[in-house]
Amino acid sequence: MKRELYLDGAVIYGIEDFHDQVSELFGLPHYYGRNLDDLWSCLTSYIDPQVRLIIHDFNHLLKVFGPEAEALKEIFERLPQYCPSFEIIYN
Protein backbone atom coordinates (compact mmCIF):
# COMPACT_ATOMS: atom_id res chain seq x y z
CA MET A 1 0.00 0.00 0.00
CA LYS A 2 1.30 3.43 -0.91
CA ARG A 3 1.81 6.12 1.67
CA GLU A 4 -0.12 9.27 0.76
CA LEU A 5 1.42 12.69 1.20
CA TYR A 6 -0.45 15.97 0.71
CA LEU A 7 1.07 19.21 -0.53
CA ASP A 8 -1.36 22.14 -0.49
CA GLY A 9 -0.14 24.69 -3.00
CA ALA A 10 -2.91 27.10 -1.95
CA VAL A 11 -1.20 27.81 1.39
CA ILE A 12 2.27 28.39 -0.06
CA TYR A 13 3.01 32.08 -0.57
CA GLY A 14 6.73 32.04 -1.23
CA ILE A 15 9.51 29.78 -2.38
CA GLU A 16 10.81 29.49 1.19
CA ASP A 17 7.34 28.29 2.30
CA PHE A 18 7.50 25.62 -0.38
CA HIS A 19 10.92 24.38 0.70
CA ASP A 20 9.82 24.35 4.36
CA GLN A 21 6.77 22.25 3.56
CA VAL A 22 8.52 19.87 1.17
CA SER A 23 11.38 19.36 3.59
CA GLU A 24 8.98 18.46 6.38
CA LEU A 25 6.65 16.44 4.17
CA PHE A 26 9.37 14.18 2.81
CA GLY A 27 11.69 14.31 5.82
CA LEU A 28 14.56 15.63 3.72
CA PRO A 29 18.05 15.56 5.22
CA HIS A 30 19.41 18.53 7.16
CA TYR A 31 21.76 19.40 4.31
CA TYR A 32 18.90 19.90 1.82
CA GLY A 33 19.96 23.04 -0.04
CA ARG A 34 16.43 24.43 -0.46
CA ASN A 35 16.71 24.81 -4.22
CA LEU A 36 15.29 22.87 -7.16
CA ASP A 37 18.52 21.03 -7.98
CA ASP A 38 18.71 19.69 -4.43
CA LEU A 39 14.99 18.91 -4.47
CA TRP A 40 15.48 16.67 -7.51
CA SER A 41 18.53 15.05 -5.96
CA CYS A 42 16.75 14.34 -2.69
CA LEU A 43 13.54 13.10 -4.29
CA THR A 44 15.42 10.67 -6.52
CA SER A 45 17.87 9.52 -3.85
CA TYR A 46 16.22 9.50 -0.43
CA ILE A 47 12.48 9.18 -0.86
CA ASP A 48 10.51 5.95 -0.55
CA PRO A 49 9.22 5.25 -4.07
CA GLN A 50 6.00 3.77 -2.65
CA VAL A 51 4.48 7.22 -2.27
CA ARG A 52 1.39 8.84 -3.70
CA LEU A 53 1.88 12.61 -3.64
CA ILE A 54 -1.35 14.57 -3.86
CA ILE A 55 -0.80 18.19 -4.84
CA HIS A 56 -3.67 20.60 -4.32
CA ASP A 57 -3.72 23.84 -6.35
CA PHE A 58 -0.56 23.19 -8.34
CA ASN A 59 -1.32 26.22 -10.53
CA HIS A 60 -1.05 28.53 -7.52
CA LEU A 61 2.25 26.91 -6.63
CA LEU A 62 3.55 27.56 -10.14
CA LYS A 63 2.61 31.24 -9.82
CA VAL A 64 4.59 31.46 -6.58
CA PHE A 65 7.68 30.18 -8.39
CA GLY A 66 7.43 32.78 -11.15
CA PRO A 67 10.37 32.36 -13.54
CA GLU A 68 11.31 29.03 -11.94
CA ALA A 69 7.82 27.57 -12.46
CA GLU A 70 8.81 25.55 -15.52
CA ALA A 71 11.74 23.99 -13.66
CA LEU A 72 9.44 23.01 -10.77
CA LYS A 73 6.88 21.61 -13.18
CA GLU A 74 9.58 19.58 -14.92
CA ILE A 75 10.67 18.02 -11.62
CA PHE A 76 7.17 16.79 -10.87
CA GLU A 77 6.69 15.58 -14.46
CA ARG A 78 10.01 13.70 -14.55
CA LEU A 79 9.75 12.09 -11.13
CA PRO A 80 7.25 9.33 -12.08
CA GLN A 81 9.28 8.66 -15.24
CA TYR A 82 12.43 8.25 -13.15
CA CYS A 83 10.66 6.18 -10.51
CA PRO A 84 7.47 4.61 -11.94
CA SER A 85 6.11 3.55 -8.55
CA PHE A 86 6.10 7.19 -7.34
CA GLU A 87 2.66 8.57 -8.13
CA ILE A 88 1.59 12.21 -8.34
CA ILE A 89 -2.04 13.31 -8.37
CA TYR A 90 -3.02 16.89 -9.07
CA ASN A 91 -6.35 18.06 -7.67
PDB file of N, CA and C in Angstrom:
ATOM      1  N   MET A   1       0.838  -1.186   0.000  1.00  0.00           N
ATOM      2  CA  MET A   1       0.000   0.000   0.000  1.00  0.00           C
ATOM      3  C   MET A   1       0.883   1.250   0.000  1.00  0.00           C
ATOM      4  N   LYS A   2       0.509   2.203  -0.815  1.00  0.00           N
ATOM      5  CA  LYS A   2       1.300   3.429  -0.909  1.00  0.00           C
ATOM      6  C   LYS A   2       0.969   4.381   0.230  1.00  0.00           C
ATOM      7  N   ARG A   3       1.987   5.071   0.664  1.00  0.00           N
ATOM      8  CA  ARG A   3       1.808   6.123   1.666  1.00  0.00           C
ATOM      9  C   ARG A   3       1.402   7.388   0.930  1.00  0.00           C
ATOM     10  N   GLU A   4       0.347   8.051   1.407  1.00  0.00           N
ATOM     11  CA  GLU A   4      -0.124   9.273   0.760  1.00  0.00           C
ATOM     12  C   GLU A   4       0.402  10.505   1.483  1.00  0.00           C
ATOM     13  N   LEU A   5       0.942  11.417   0.696  1.00  0.00           N
ATOM     14  CA  LEU A   5       1.424  12.691   1.204  1.00  0.00           C
ATOM     15  C   LEU A   5       0.655  13.803   0.510  1.00  0.00           C
ATOM     16  N   TYR A   6       0.346  14.857   1.254  1.00  0.00           N
ATOM     17  CA  TYR A   6      -0.446  15.965   0.710  1.00  0.00           C
ATOM     18  C   TYR A   6       0.374  17.252   0.729  1.00  0.00           C
ATOM     19  N   LEU A   7       0.419  17.906  -0.409  1.00  0.00           N
ATOM     20  CA  LEU A   7       1.067  19.206  -0.525  1.00  0.00           C
ATOM     21  C   LEU A   7       0.006  20.192  -0.998  1.00  0.00           C
ATOM     22  N   ASP A   8      -0.316  21.169  -0.166  1.00  0.00           N
ATOM     23  CA  ASP A   8      -1.363  22.137  -0.485  1.00  0.00           C
ATOM     24  C   ASP A   8      -0.725  23.408  -1.030  1.00  0.00           C
ATOM     25  N   GLY A   9      -0.724  23.527  -2.351  1.00  0.00           N
ATOM     26  CA  GLY A   9      -0.143  24.694  -3.000  1.00  0.00           C
ATOM     27  C   GLY A   9      -0.853  25.986  -2.654  1.00  0.00           C
ATOM     28  N   ALA A  10      -2.119  25.904  -2.249  1.00  0.00           N
ATOM     29  CA  ALA A  10      -2.907  27.102  -1.945  1.00  0.00           C
ATOM     30  C   ALA A  10      -2.406  27.838  -0.714  1.00  0.00           C
ATOM     31  N   VAL A  11      -1.674  27.162   0.164  1.00  0.00           N
ATOM     32  CA  VAL A  11      -1.196  27.806   1.392  1.00  0.00           C
ATOM     33  C   VAL A  11       0.289  28.145   1.330  1.00  0.00           C
ATOM     34  N   ILE A  12       0.859  28.057   0.130  1.00  0.00           N
ATOM     35  CA  ILE A  12       2.267  28.392  -0.061  1.00  0.00           C
ATOM     36  C   ILE A  12       2.335  29.754  -0.736  1.00  0.00           C
ATOM     37  N   TYR A  13       2.985  30.700  -0.064  1.00  0.00           N
ATOM     38  CA  TYR A  13       3.007  32.078  -0.567  1.00  0.00           C
ATOM     39  C   TYR A  13       4.397  32.557  -0.966  1.00  0.00           C
ATOM     40  N   GLY A  14       5.376  31.680  -0.834  1.00  0.00           N
ATOM     41  CA  GLY A  14       6.726  32.038  -1.232  1.00  0.00           C
ATOM     42  C   GLY A  14       7.550  30.775  -1.430  1.00  0.00           C
ATOM     43  N   ILE A  15       8.646  30.923  -2.102  1.00  0.00           N
ATOM     44  CA  ILE A  15       9.514  29.777  -2.379  1.00  0.00           C
ATOM     45  C   ILE A  15      10.037  29.171  -1.082  1.00  0.00           C
ATOM     46  N   GLU A  16      10.339  30.006  -0.101  1.00  0.00           N
ATOM     47  CA  GLU A  16      10.814  29.489   1.193  1.00  0.00           C
ATOM     48  C   GLU A  16       9.730  28.651   1.867  1.00  0.00           C
ATOM     49  N   ASP A  17       8.459  29.088   1.770  1.00  0.00           N
ATOM     50  CA  ASP A  17       7.340  28.291   2.295  1.00  0.00           C
ATOM     51  C   ASP A  17       7.323  26.905   1.652  1.00  0.00           C
ATOM     52  N   PHE A  18       7.497  26.883   0.345  1.00  0.00           N
ATOM     53  CA  PHE A  18       7.500  25.620  -0.378  1.00  0.00           C
ATOM     54  C   PHE A  18       8.594  24.698   0.142  1.00  0.00           C
ATOM     55  N   HIS A  19       9.812  25.214   0.244  1.00  0.00           N
ATOM     56  CA  HIS A  19      10.921  24.376   0.698  1.00  0.00           C
ATOM     57  C   HIS A  19      10.715  23.916   2.136  1.00  0.00           C
ATOM     58  N   ASP A  20      10.137  24.765   2.988  1.00  0.00           N
ATOM     59  CA  ASP A  20       9.823  24.349   4.359  1.00  0.00           C
ATOM     60  C   ASP A  20       8.859  23.169   4.346  1.00  0.00           C
ATOM     61  N   GLN A  21       7.789  23.294   3.580  1.00  0.00           N
ATOM     62  CA  GLN A  21       6.767  22.247   3.560  1.00  0.00           C
ATOM     63  C   GLN A  21       7.283  20.958   2.933  1.00  0.00           C
ATOM     64  N   VAL A  22       7.999  21.059   1.833  1.00  0.00           N
ATOM     65  CA  VAL A  22       8.520  19.867   1.168  1.00  0.00           C
ATOM     66  C   VAL A  22       9.546  19.166   2.054  1.00  0.00           C
ATOM     67  N   SER A  23      10.382  19.935   2.702  1.00  0.00           N
ATOM     68  CA  SER A  23      11.380  19.355   3.590  1.00  0.00           C
ATOM     69  C   SER A  23      10.724  18.566   4.715  1.00  0.00           C
ATOM     70  N   GLU A  24       9.698  19.137   5.306  1.00  0.00           N
ATOM     71  CA  GLU A  24       8.979  18.459   6.382  1.00  0.00           C
ATOM     72  C   GLU A  24       8.182  17.270   5.857  1.00  0.00           C
ATOM     73  N   LEU A  25       7.501  17.465   4.750  1.00  0.00           N
ATOM     74  CA  LEU A  25       6.648  16.435   4.172  1.00  0.00           C
ATOM     75  C   LEU A  25       7.428  15.161   3.852  1.00  0.00           C
ATOM     76  N   PHE A  26       8.577  15.325   3.216  1.00  0.00           N
ATOM     77  CA  PHE A  26       9.373  14.176   2.806  1.00  0.00           C
ATOM     78  C   PHE A  26      10.454  13.791   3.819  1.00  0.00           C
ATOM     79  N   GLY A  27      10.636  14.598   4.850  1.00  0.00           N
ATOM     80  CA  GLY A  27      11.689  14.309   5.818  1.00  0.00           C
ATOM     81  C   GLY A  27      13.073  14.395   5.182  1.00  0.00           C
ATOM     82  N   LEU A  28      13.290  15.467   4.427  1.00  0.00           N
ATOM     83  CA  LEU A  28      14.559  15.626   3.718  1.00  0.00           C
ATOM     84  C   LEU A  28      15.697  15.825   4.703  1.00  0.00           C
ATOM     85  N   PRO A  29      16.907  15.445   4.308  1.00  0.00           N
ATOM     86  CA  PRO A  29      18.052  15.560   5.221  1.00  0.00           C
ATOM     87  C   PRO A  29      18.381  17.007   5.565  1.00  0.00           C
ATOM     88  N   HIS A  30      19.087  17.191   6.667  1.00  0.00           N
ATOM     89  CA  HIS A  30      19.411  18.535   7.162  1.00  0.00           C
ATOM     90  C   HIS A  30      20.235  19.347   6.164  1.00  0.00           C
ATOM     91  N   TYR A  31      20.916  18.682   5.278  1.00  0.00           N
ATOM     92  CA  TYR A  31      21.759  19.400   4.306  1.00  0.00           C
ATOM     93  C   TYR A  31      21.022  19.723   3.002  1.00  0.00           C
ATOM     94  N   TYR A  32      19.707  19.521   2.984  1.00  0.00           N
ATOM     95  CA  TYR A  32      18.900  19.895   1.816  1.00  0.00           C
ATOM     96  C   TYR A  32      19.136  21.378   1.534  1.00  0.00           C
ATOM     97  N   GLY A  33      19.552  21.686   0.320  1.00  0.00           N
ATOM     98  CA  GLY A  33      19.957  23.040  -0.036  1.00  0.00           C
ATOM     99  C   GLY A  33      18.838  24.008  -0.354  1.00  0.00           C
ATOM    100  N   ARG A  34      17.591  23.550  -0.272  1.00  0.00           N
ATOM    101  CA  ARG A  34      16.435  24.428  -0.455  1.00  0.00           C
ATOM    102  C   ARG A  34      16.461  25.120  -1.821  1.00  0.00           C
ATOM    103  N   ASN A  35      16.771  24.332  -2.845  1.00  0.00           N
ATOM    104  CA  ASN A  35      16.707  24.808  -4.223  1.00  0.00           C
ATOM    105  C   ASN A  35      16.230  23.646  -5.084  1.00  0.00           C
ATOM    106  N   LEU A  36      15.892  23.908  -6.319  1.00  0.00           N
ATOM    107  CA  LEU A  36      15.291  22.875  -7.162  1.00  0.00           C
ATOM    108  C   LEU A  36      16.260  21.770  -7.543  1.00  0.00           C
ATOM    109  N   ASP A  37      17.538  22.075  -7.693  1.00  0.00           N
ATOM    110  CA  ASP A  37      18.518  21.028  -7.979  1.00  0.00           C
ATOM    111  C   ASP A  37      18.603  20.036  -6.818  1.00  0.00           C
ATOM    112  N   ASP A  38      18.662  20.563  -5.606  1.00  0.00           N
ATOM    113  CA  ASP A  38      18.709  19.690  -4.433  1.00  0.00           C
ATOM    114  C   ASP A  38      17.392  18.951  -4.233  1.00  0.00           C
ATOM    115  N   LEU A  39      16.278  19.584  -4.577  1.00  0.00           N
ATOM    116  CA  LEU A  39      14.993  18.907  -4.471  1.00  0.00           C
ATOM    117  C   LEU A  39      14.998  17.664  -5.359  1.00  0.00           C
ATOM    118  N   TRP A  40      15.414  17.812  -6.599  1.00  0.00           N
ATOM    119  CA  TRP A  40      15.475  16.668  -7.515  1.00  0.00           C
ATOM    120  C   TRP A  40      16.403  15.591  -6.955  1.00  0.00           C
ATOM    121  N   SER A  41      17.563  16.002  -6.506  1.00  0.00           N
ATOM    122  CA  SER A  41      18.529  15.054  -5.964  1.00  0.00           C
ATOM    123  C   SER A  41      17.953  14.280  -4.776  1.00  0.00           C
ATOM    124  N   CYS A  42      17.318  14.991  -3.871  1.00  0.00           N
ATOM    125  CA  CYS A  42      16.748  14.340  -2.685  1.00  0.00           C
ATOM    126  C   CYS A  42      15.575  13.437  -3.052  1.00  0.00           C
ATOM    127  N   LEU A  43      14.701  13.902  -3.931  1.00  0.00           N
ATOM    128  CA  LEU A  43      13.540  13.100  -4.291  1.00  0.00           C
ATOM    129  C   LEU A  43      13.933  11.816  -5.014  1.00  0.00           C
ATOM    130  N   THR A  44      15.003  11.861  -5.774  1.00  0.00           N
ATOM    131  CA  THR A  44      15.417  10.674  -6.519  1.00  0.00           C
ATOM    132  C   THR A  44      16.401   9.804  -5.742  1.00  0.00           C
ATOM    133  N   SER A  45      16.883  10.281  -4.614  1.00  0.00           N
ATOM    134  CA  SER A  45      17.873   9.522  -3.852  1.00  0.00           C
ATOM    135  C   SER A  45      17.379   9.019  -2.501  1.00  0.00           C
ATOM    136  N   TYR A  46      16.533   9.797  -1.820  1.00  0.00           N
ATOM    137  CA  TYR A  46      16.222   9.498  -0.426  1.00  0.00           C
ATOM    138  C   TYR A  46      14.771   9.162  -0.138  1.00  0.00           C
ATOM    139  N   ILE A  47      13.909   9.312  -1.115  1.00  0.00           N
ATOM    140  CA  ILE A  47      12.477   9.180  -0.858  1.00  0.00           C
ATOM    141  C   ILE A  47      11.998   7.775  -1.184  1.00  0.00           C
ATOM    142  N   ASP A  48      11.147   7.245  -0.323  1.00  0.00           N
ATOM    143  CA  ASP A  48      10.515   5.948  -0.551  1.00  0.00           C
ATOM    144  C   ASP A  48       9.690   6.023  -1.840  1.00  0.00           C
ATOM    145  N   PRO A  49       9.959   5.170  -2.802  1.00  0.00           N
ATOM    146  CA  PRO A  49       9.225   5.248  -4.067  1.00  0.00           C
ATOM    147  C   PRO A  49       7.762   4.820  -3.948  1.00  0.00           C
ATOM    148  N   GLN A  50       7.383   4.202  -2.847  1.00  0.00           N
ATOM    149  CA  GLN A  50       5.999   3.766  -2.648  1.00  0.00           C
ATOM    150  C   GLN A  50       5.163   4.895  -2.049  1.00  0.00           C
ATOM    151  N   VAL A  51       5.176   6.028  -2.743  1.00  0.00           N
ATOM    152  CA  VAL A  51       4.483   7.222  -2.270  1.00  0.00           C
ATOM    153  C   VAL A  51       3.487   7.686  -3.324  1.00  0.00           C
ATOM    154  N   ARG A  52       2.364   8.157  -2.852  1.00  0.00           N
ATOM    155  CA  ARG A  52       1.392   8.843  -3.699  1.00  0.00           C
ATOM    156  C   ARG A  52       1.350  10.289  -3.196  1.00  0.00           C
ATOM    157  N   LEU A  53       1.869  11.196  -3.994  1.00  0.00           N
ATOM    158  CA  LEU A  53       1.884  12.612  -3.640  1.00  0.00           C
ATOM    159  C   LEU A  53       0.660  13.273  -4.251  1.00  0.00           C
ATOM    160  N   ILE A  54      -0.154  13.870  -3.402  1.00  0.00           N
ATOM    161  CA  ILE A  54      -1.348  14.573  -3.861  1.00  0.00           C
ATOM    162  C   ILE A  54      -1.079  16.071  -3.713  1.00  0.00           C
ATOM    163  N   ILE A  55      -1.097  16.764  -4.836  1.00  0.00           N
ATOM    164  CA  ILE A  55      -0.803  18.193  -4.836  1.00  0.00           C
ATOM    165  C   ILE A  55      -2.089  18.952  -5.116  1.00  0.00           C
ATOM    166  N   HIS A  56      -2.486  19.762  -4.168  1.00  0.00           N
ATOM    167  CA  HIS A  56      -3.671  20.602  -4.319  1.00  0.00           C
ATOM    168  C   HIS A  56      -3.237  21.983  -4.814  1.00  0.00           C
ATOM    169  N   ASP A  57      -3.939  22.505  -5.783  1.00  0.00           N
ATOM    170  CA  ASP A  57      -3.723  23.842  -6.351  1.00  0.00           C
ATOM    171  C   ASP A  57      -2.295  24.036  -6.868  1.00  0.00           C
ATOM    172  N   PHE A  58      -1.899  23.131  -7.747  1.00  0.00           N
ATOM    173  CA  PHE A  58      -0.564  23.188  -8.342  1.00  0.00           C
ATOM    174  C   PHE A  58      -0.376  24.477  -9.135  1.00  0.00           C
ATOM    175  N   ASN A  59      -1.436  24.982  -9.752  1.00  0.00           N
ATOM    176  CA  ASN A  59      -1.321  26.219 -10.533  1.00  0.00           C
ATOM    177  C   ASN A  59      -0.924  27.399  -9.657  1.00  0.00           C
ATOM    178  N   HIS A  60      -1.451  27.459  -8.441  1.00  0.00           N
ATOM    179  CA  HIS A  60      -1.052  28.529  -7.517  1.00  0.00           C
ATOM    180  C   HIS A  60       0.427  28.382  -7.175  1.00  0.00           C
ATOM    181  N   LEU A  61       0.845  27.162  -6.945  1.00  0.00           N
ATOM    182  CA  LEU A  61       2.249  26.906  -6.626  1.00  0.00           C
ATOM    183  C   LEU A  61       3.152  27.366  -7.769  1.00  0.00           C
ATOM    184  N   LEU A  62       2.750  27.115  -8.993  1.00  0.00           N
ATOM    185  CA  LEU A  62       3.549  27.555 -10.141  1.00  0.00           C
ATOM    186  C   LEU A  62       3.651  29.078 -10.193  1.00  0.00           C
ATOM    187  N   LYS A  63       2.573  29.773  -9.852  1.00  0.00           N
ATOM    188  CA  LYS A  63       2.607  31.241  -9.821  1.00  0.00           C
ATOM    189  C   LYS A  63       3.594  31.749  -8.776  1.00  0.00           C
ATOM    190  N   VAL A  64       3.656  31.080  -7.652  1.00  0.00           N
ATOM    191  CA  VAL A  64       4.587  31.460  -6.584  1.00  0.00           C
ATOM    192  C   VAL A  64       6.028  31.380  -7.089  1.00  0.00           C
ATOM    193  N   PHE A  65       6.319  30.381  -7.908  1.00  0.00           N
ATOM    194  CA  PHE A  65       7.683  30.178  -8.387  1.00  0.00           C
ATOM    195  C   PHE A  65       8.076  31.116  -9.524  1.00  0.00           C
ATOM    196  N   GLY A  66       7.109  31.797 -10.114  1.00  0.00           N
ATOM    197  CA  GLY A  66       7.425  32.777 -11.149  1.00  0.00           C
ATOM    198  C   GLY A  66       8.306  32.202 -12.233  1.00  0.00           C
ATOM    199  N   PRO A  67       9.500  32.804 -12.449  1.00  0.00           N
ATOM    200  CA  PRO A  67      10.366  32.355 -13.540  1.00  0.00           C
ATOM    201  C   PRO A  67      10.886  30.928 -13.380  1.00  0.00           C
ATOM    202  N   GLU A  68      10.848  30.397 -12.167  1.00  0.00           N
ATOM    203  CA  GLU A  68      11.307  29.029 -11.941  1.00  0.00           C
ATOM    204  C   GLU A  68      10.173  28.004 -12.041  1.00  0.00           C
ATOM    205  N   ALA A  69       8.988  28.449 -12.417  1.00  0.00           N
ATOM    206  CA  ALA A  69       7.820  27.568 -12.461  1.00  0.00           C
ATOM    207  C   ALA A  69       8.027  26.390 -13.409  1.00  0.00           C
ATOM    208  N   GLU A  70       8.607  26.635 -14.560  1.00  0.00           N
ATOM    209  CA  GLU A  70       8.813  25.551 -15.525  1.00  0.00           C
ATOM    210  C   GLU A  70       9.775  24.503 -14.970  1.00  0.00           C
ATOM    211  N   ALA A  71      10.790  24.940 -14.251  1.00  0.00           N
ATOM    212  CA  ALA A  71      11.740  23.993 -13.656  1.00  0.00           C
ATOM    213  C   ALA A  71      11.049  23.142 -12.590  1.00  0.00           C
ATOM    214  N   LEU A  72      10.189  23.760 -11.781  1.00  0.00           N
ATOM    215  CA  LEU A  72       9.445  23.012 -10.769  1.00  0.00           C
ATOM    216  C   LEU A  72       8.500  22.018 -11.435  1.00  0.00           C
ATOM    217  N   LYS A  73       7.807  22.471 -12.450  1.00  0.00           N
ATOM    218  CA  LYS A  73       6.879  21.612 -13.185  1.00  0.00           C
ATOM    219  C   LYS A  73       7.621  20.410 -13.778  1.00  0.00           C
ATOM    220  N   GLU A  74       8.786  20.655 -14.328  1.00  0.00           N
ATOM    221  CA  GLU A  74       9.579  19.581 -14.922  1.00  0.00           C
ATOM    222  C   GLU A  74       9.981  18.537 -13.885  1.00  0.00           C
ATOM    223  N   ILE A  75      10.316  18.967 -12.678  1.00  0.00           N
ATOM    224  CA  ILE A  75      10.675  18.019 -11.617  1.00  0.00           C
ATOM    225  C   ILE A  75       9.511  17.074 -11.352  1.00  0.00           C
ATOM    226  N   PHE A  76       8.322  17.627 -11.176  1.00  0.00           N
ATOM    227  CA  PHE A  76       7.174  16.787 -10.872  1.00  0.00           C
ATOM    228  C   PHE A  76       6.736  15.939 -12.062  1.00  0.00           C
ATOM    229  N   GLU A  77       7.000  16.388 -13.271  1.00  0.00           N
ATOM    230  CA  GLU A  77       6.688  15.581 -14.455  1.00  0.00           C
ATOM    231  C   GLU A  77       7.693  14.451 -14.638  1.00  0.00           C
ATOM    232  N   ARG A  78       8.961  14.702 -14.353  1.00  0.00           N
ATOM    233  CA  ARG A  78      10.013  13.705 -14.549  1.00  0.00           C
ATOM    234  C   ARG A  78      10.057  12.652 -13.454  1.00  0.00           C
ATOM    235  N   LEU A  79       9.618  13.001 -12.264  1.00  0.00           N
ATOM    236  CA  LEU A  79       9.754  12.088 -11.131  1.00  0.00           C
ATOM    237  C   LEU A  79       9.104  10.724 -11.371  1.00  0.00           C
ATOM    238  N   PRO A  80       7.843  10.654 -11.821  1.00  0.00           N
ATOM    239  CA  PRO A  80       7.254   9.333 -12.079  1.00  0.00           C
ATOM    240  C   PRO A  80       7.934   8.586 -13.236  1.00  0.00           C
ATOM    241  N   GLN A  81       8.547   9.318 -14.163  1.00  0.00           N
ATOM    242  CA  GLN A  81       9.279   8.665 -15.240  1.00  0.00           C
ATOM    243  C   GLN A  81      10.555   8.039 -14.702  1.00  0.00           C
ATOM    244  N   TYR A  82      11.191   8.731 -13.767  1.00  0.00           N
ATOM    245  CA  TYR A  82      12.428   8.248 -13.153  1.00  0.00           C
ATOM    246  C   TYR A  82      12.140   7.079 -12.213  1.00  0.00           C
ATOM    247  N   CYS A  83      11.050   7.190 -11.481  1.00  0.00           N
ATOM    248  CA  CYS A  83      10.663   6.176 -10.509  1.00  0.00           C
ATOM    249  C   CYS A  83       9.176   5.857 -10.724  1.00  0.00           C
ATOM    250  N   PRO A  84       8.855   4.877 -11.565  1.00  0.00           N
ATOM    251  CA  PRO A  84       7.467   4.608 -11.945  1.00  0.00           C
ATOM    252  C   PRO A  84       6.513   4.311 -10.784  1.00  0.00           C
ATOM    253  N   SER A  85       7.008   3.845  -9.666  1.00  0.00           N
ATOM    254  CA  SER A  85       6.111   3.551  -8.545  1.00  0.00           C
ATOM    255  C   SER A  85       5.719   4.805  -7.764  1.00  0.00           C
ATOM    256  N   PHE A  86       6.424   5.914  -7.988  1.00  0.00           N
ATOM    257  CA  PHE A  86       6.096   7.189  -7.339  1.00  0.00           C
ATOM    258  C   PHE A  86       4.954   7.807  -8.133  1.00  0.00           C
ATOM    259  N   GLU A  87       3.866   8.079  -7.460  1.00  0.00           N
ATOM    260  CA  GLU A  87       2.655   8.566  -8.128  1.00  0.00           C
ATOM    261  C   GLU A  87       2.359   9.997  -7.692  1.00  0.00           C
ATOM    262  N   ILE A  88       1.986  10.831  -8.648  1.00  0.00           N
ATOM    263  CA  ILE A  88       1.592  12.207  -8.345  1.00  0.00           C
ATOM    264  C   ILE A  88       0.177  12.442  -8.866  1.00  0.00           C
ATOM    265  N   ILE A  89      -0.661  12.975  -8.004  1.00  0.00           N
ATOM    266  CA  ILE A  89      -2.037  13.306  -8.373  1.00  0.00           C
ATOM    267  C   ILE A  89      -2.223  14.791  -8.162  1.00  0.00           C
ATOM    268  N   TYR A  90      -2.736  15.459  -9.163  1.00  0.00           N
ATOM    269  CA  TYR A  90      -3.019  16.889  -9.074  1.00  0.00           C
ATOM    270  C   TYR A  90      -4.522  17.051  -8.886  1.00  0.00           C
ATOM    271  N   ASN A  91      -4.911  17.795  -7.850  1.00  0.00           N
ATOM    272  CA  ASN A  91      -6.345  18.057  -7.669  1.00  0.00           C
ATOM    273  C   ASN A  91      -6.593  19.484  -7.307  1.00  0.00           C
TER     274      ASN A  91
END
